[in-house]
Each structure stands twice: as C-alpha cells, then as structure tokens.
Amino acid sequence: MTSDRGMILKEETSDGSTKGEDAEDNDAYRIFAAIAYAVVLIVIGLPLWWKTTDVYRVSLPYSRIAALDSLDVTLGMNISISTIDPARGGRLVADLKDIFKTSKLFQLTFLALPLEKKDLASVHSPEDLENASLQPRKPGELLLLEVPGLSRFTANHVLAGLKRTVYFSSETSESESAVKLSEVLESWLLQEKSLRQTVAAMTAPTETDQDRSGRRRMPTAAEYDIMITVVNPEPEKLHLNWDLPQAVQDYLEPLLQELSLLAAYAVKSQWLYFVTLNVQPKLVTETSGSGYQHYALAEDILPQIITPLEKKLASHVSRNPCLNFIVYIPPCEAAPLHIYRRQGMRVKGGVDAFLSPRWGGIVIHNPSSLICHNTSVPEPKEYSPDTAAIMGIFLAQLRLLMGIPELKEISRVGQLPLSTVSLRQWEFDALLRVRTLEQLTSAKLTLQSLSQLLGEISNIVINDAVGSSIYRAVNCVEHAADLLKTGQLDQAFNESKEAFLSAEAAFTDPSLLALLYFPDDQKYAVYIPLFLPVMIPVILSLKSIHAWLFGRMNFKTKLKED
C-alpha cells in the first residue's frame, strides 16, 4: 500500500466500514439522544409541570373595587309639606330648604301639597290623624301635615305620628314651625349626625368612635339568636309557674315579625337552677322609719354578674350573634333585691334591670313578699312572674340593641303613644337607613381588604365561586348607592344586604386558604431536589450538542469549499 503524508489512511473493518465512521455514527446517536431528552424535558416537561402547578385565579375587578373608596353615597328623600294656605306651605318649603342645604349625607326634596279642610273634617282625636288618606306609604318618604286646632289634642306644637307623618300646628308662626320641624327631622327622623359618625367609625375606627346608640347596637348580621334565660337559684324552695313560650309569642313575636325584613331571628329559651350571682348584696334599712329592709346591688358590680352567668349560658352553640335576655328570680332570703346607682339612689323608675351593649340585658324580678312571708305555704312555694313587666323591659332592651335609639326631648314636641309592641314606621325607616349604610360600608371595606390581600399574595387560589361573590358584591354596592340617591330605601337595603353577604362569603371562603401557607420559597425547596439531578446532565449535554452541531456545519462548509 502506497503511503502519502497528505492522506490519512483509514482502517477497514470486516464488513467494509471503517472505525472512524462507526465512531462518528455513535457520536451522532448520543447527540440525537441528548437532543431528544432535552426537547422532551424542556419543551414538554417544564410547560406541563408549570401548567399543573399553576394557581387558578379568576380575574377580579380591582379597578372597580378601588373606585368604591370614592363612591358617593347620598340618601335621596322626598318630604311633602301639606298646608291649608299654599303661600304658607311655599314659605315653609323655602325655609326648610335653606336649613338643610348644607347636609352632606341627605339630598332632600321638599314639595308643597295643597290641603283642604274637608281632608281633616273627620279628625276628632290624634288617632284619627293616622287614618287619614294622606299618609305616605313608600319607605323613606315623609309628610309634614298642618293640623288646624292641634292644640285641642295636645299642648305640643309638633307631634310625630305612628306612620310617616309629622303633624304641626297652624297656630304657630312660619319661622317657629320651620325651626321645630327641622329639629324633629335632624334629631328624630333623619339622625344624620349619628349616621355620619357610624360610617366614620367603621372606616377609621382608631380616629372616630361610635355614638351611644352605635355602641349599643348589635353588629350587622344575616341572622340573630335570641336566648331567654330564667335563673332560679333555689328551685327546691321556689317553684316558678311561667309559660315562657306563650310570653314570647304574645310579646316578642310581633316585633320580631316586623324586624324580620332586616334579618332572621331564632328565639331560644333555657332554665338555669342552682346558679347564683356570685356577689354579696348589701342589706339596707329604710331611713323613713318604716323599718323596710331590702338588699342593694351597687351599679359598679353589675359587670361582675355577667361573667359567671355567661359561662352557664348556651349562647355559644351557634355562629350567629346572640342577644341574651336573663330574668333572675332572687330567693326569698335575699329578696327584694334592688339596683342602686353610684349616687346611692335606686335606678330611675324603680326598674331593676340593666343593659350590656351588644350583649343583652338582665332583669331582676323579685318574688312577691306575700308569698315569701307566708309561712303557712309549704316549700317549694309557687310563684307566677309578672309577664307584662318582664317582657316590657325585654322589649325596651331589644329596641336599643337592634338600633332604635332613645330620642332626646325637644321642647313642645311629642309623639303619639304606641298601642302595640310594633315600631313606628318612621322608626323602621331610620333603622333601614343605618343598616343600609352599615352594610354598604362593611361590604366596601371587606372588598378592599380582600382585593389588597389577593393582590399581594399571588399563590392564593381564586375559584369561580369566590370570583362570582366578589363581582356580585361590587355590583350590589354600586346599585345600592344608585338606589339611595333616588330615594328607593327598601330596595337599596336589599341590595346592600346582598352586597354584605356576598363580600363576607368571599372573604371567608375556605378555598382561599388552600395554598396560603405554601409560599414560593417552600415550593423551590420541594421541586429543586427533584429537578436539579435531572437537569444537570441536560445542561451539561447542551455544550456537547452545541459543539457537535457547529462541528458538522464547519465540516460541511469545508467540503463545499474543496
């Protein structure tokens, strides 16, 4: 075989191929295998892993939620003024418009309506005024009705009715009538100051506190539990003969039926025996010389009574807010038991009861002295509590706890007395306003907090149910604000209630916590040990693939040049 220095001889194998060609083919197979492995891992594996581990998040209306902070909530309201003299009515309208033009919450529309004497011809008593056909029926509306000869029925110049009407005398001057009517509207019917303070306290609780009514009022909820508890410390000595379910049906049910438009109520009852107040009352002897003795319970130690009693109550078996009403029957040995104020005087009106804000009330109902001192009656002595007295106190406490405030007195202004346990219609409208604003404000704050939370933590799952609740809450808030401007109070309340419930449902949805405690650093700690051993050979083979591909390209280029 002839040798040549410019030629490289190849050693032939038995099948006619050379060793160089076999080595080159093996390198190509290895390179192709590495390329295929890298393609499968990077092109298919990584996207598949990313898709299967991706957090599902429904798109949310973040911009609309942020815009709720500047949402204009104004309460539109129509107030009609009906007078015999149209000119007098027009001047009253002008005066009231001037007084309320600076209102920041209400947008009041005053209308003058003609009134004929025949419309009041059948009125012979204040109760007849309530049966007049002029009464407004739409929630939120008011009628200021001039009544000639109102002094025949009352010494007051202004009289708030049971419905949505305020009666004022035609015998007072226009300026005096305008001032009195504006006081009634501001303090009793509209309660603008209290409404604004309620919203401010919810928005900035560290800067503004609730007023007295707001501190007592139960927080907004879809359903409340009412627990009535009868405490009899010595049942072996005193047996109570009391039909509690019938008392609830006769006294509480009518009022709860009216309040059912705001929320649902579940009334429960229980009897506790051998439970004491865990305080030692002081024995007091009357200084009038009668020698009458009784036990005094100082006002300062009343909070100490609630704590031991609350441990025995079954008020924590439900997630709904609970209103506790307790009637305590002292044993004959410690009766009568009366509450004394800090000044050393008995409570006003001699009613031995007290209210705990946002919790409930306690009534101390002393058994009759005739029964306790009657030694001829064997034990246990039977006693029937005064149902009207006890339930009357519970009704007054329930009104305060649900947000119907005590009205401050206004000179020469009165109210028609209630003949039943129901609410006055304008009281119910005032309650609708405060609950609507509470629910709107709560929904706005909840949505904004949830929006901030979901925006900052990217690994929280947002499923379709949560997204639907958030969209529904935002829509209801915006719709409720529009309805309030047009004076549709009842519909605005329903929308605000739906907004409140939807926002709470979204915020408390359990699915939000699914990946909350699985942050990115833990994700990397789990997946890096799994993928790093697999990725190292792939990454190192990329250099060999690059060198092989460029080597073939250079070789083909050189062959073309030769």
Foldseek 3Di string as FASTA:
>chain_A
DDDDPVDDDFDADPVGDGPVVVVVVVLVVVLVVLVVLLCCCPVPVVVVVCVVPPFAADDFPLVLLVCLVVDQFAFEEEEEEEDQDQVLQVVLQVLLCVVCVPDRHYDYDYHYDYDDPVQCPPDDEPVVVVVGPVFDDAQRYAYEYEDEPPVVHHQFQWAAELARYIYGYPPDDSVVVSVVVVVCCCFPQQVSVQLVLLLVCLVPVVVGPHDPLVQQAAAADQEEEEEEEEEAQCCFAAPEDEDVVVLCVAAVVVAQVVCVLRHHYHYYYDYHYNDDQPDDWDWDADPPPPRDIATEDEPVCVVSSCVVVVVVDPRPPDPHQYAYEYEYEDALVHPDYFYAYPVRHGDPPRFRKDADGNHYIYGYFYFDPVQSVPPVDDPNTYTYTDSCSRSVVRLVGVCSHNRQDDGDDDPSYYYDDDPGSYHRSSSVSNSLVSLLSSLLSLLSVLLVVVSVVCVVAVNFHHDPLLSVLSVLLSVLSSVLSVCSNVNNSSVSSVSSVSNNVSSVCNSPPPSRCPCPVPHPVNVCVVCCVVCVVVCVVSVVSVVVSVVVVVVVVVVVVVVVVD
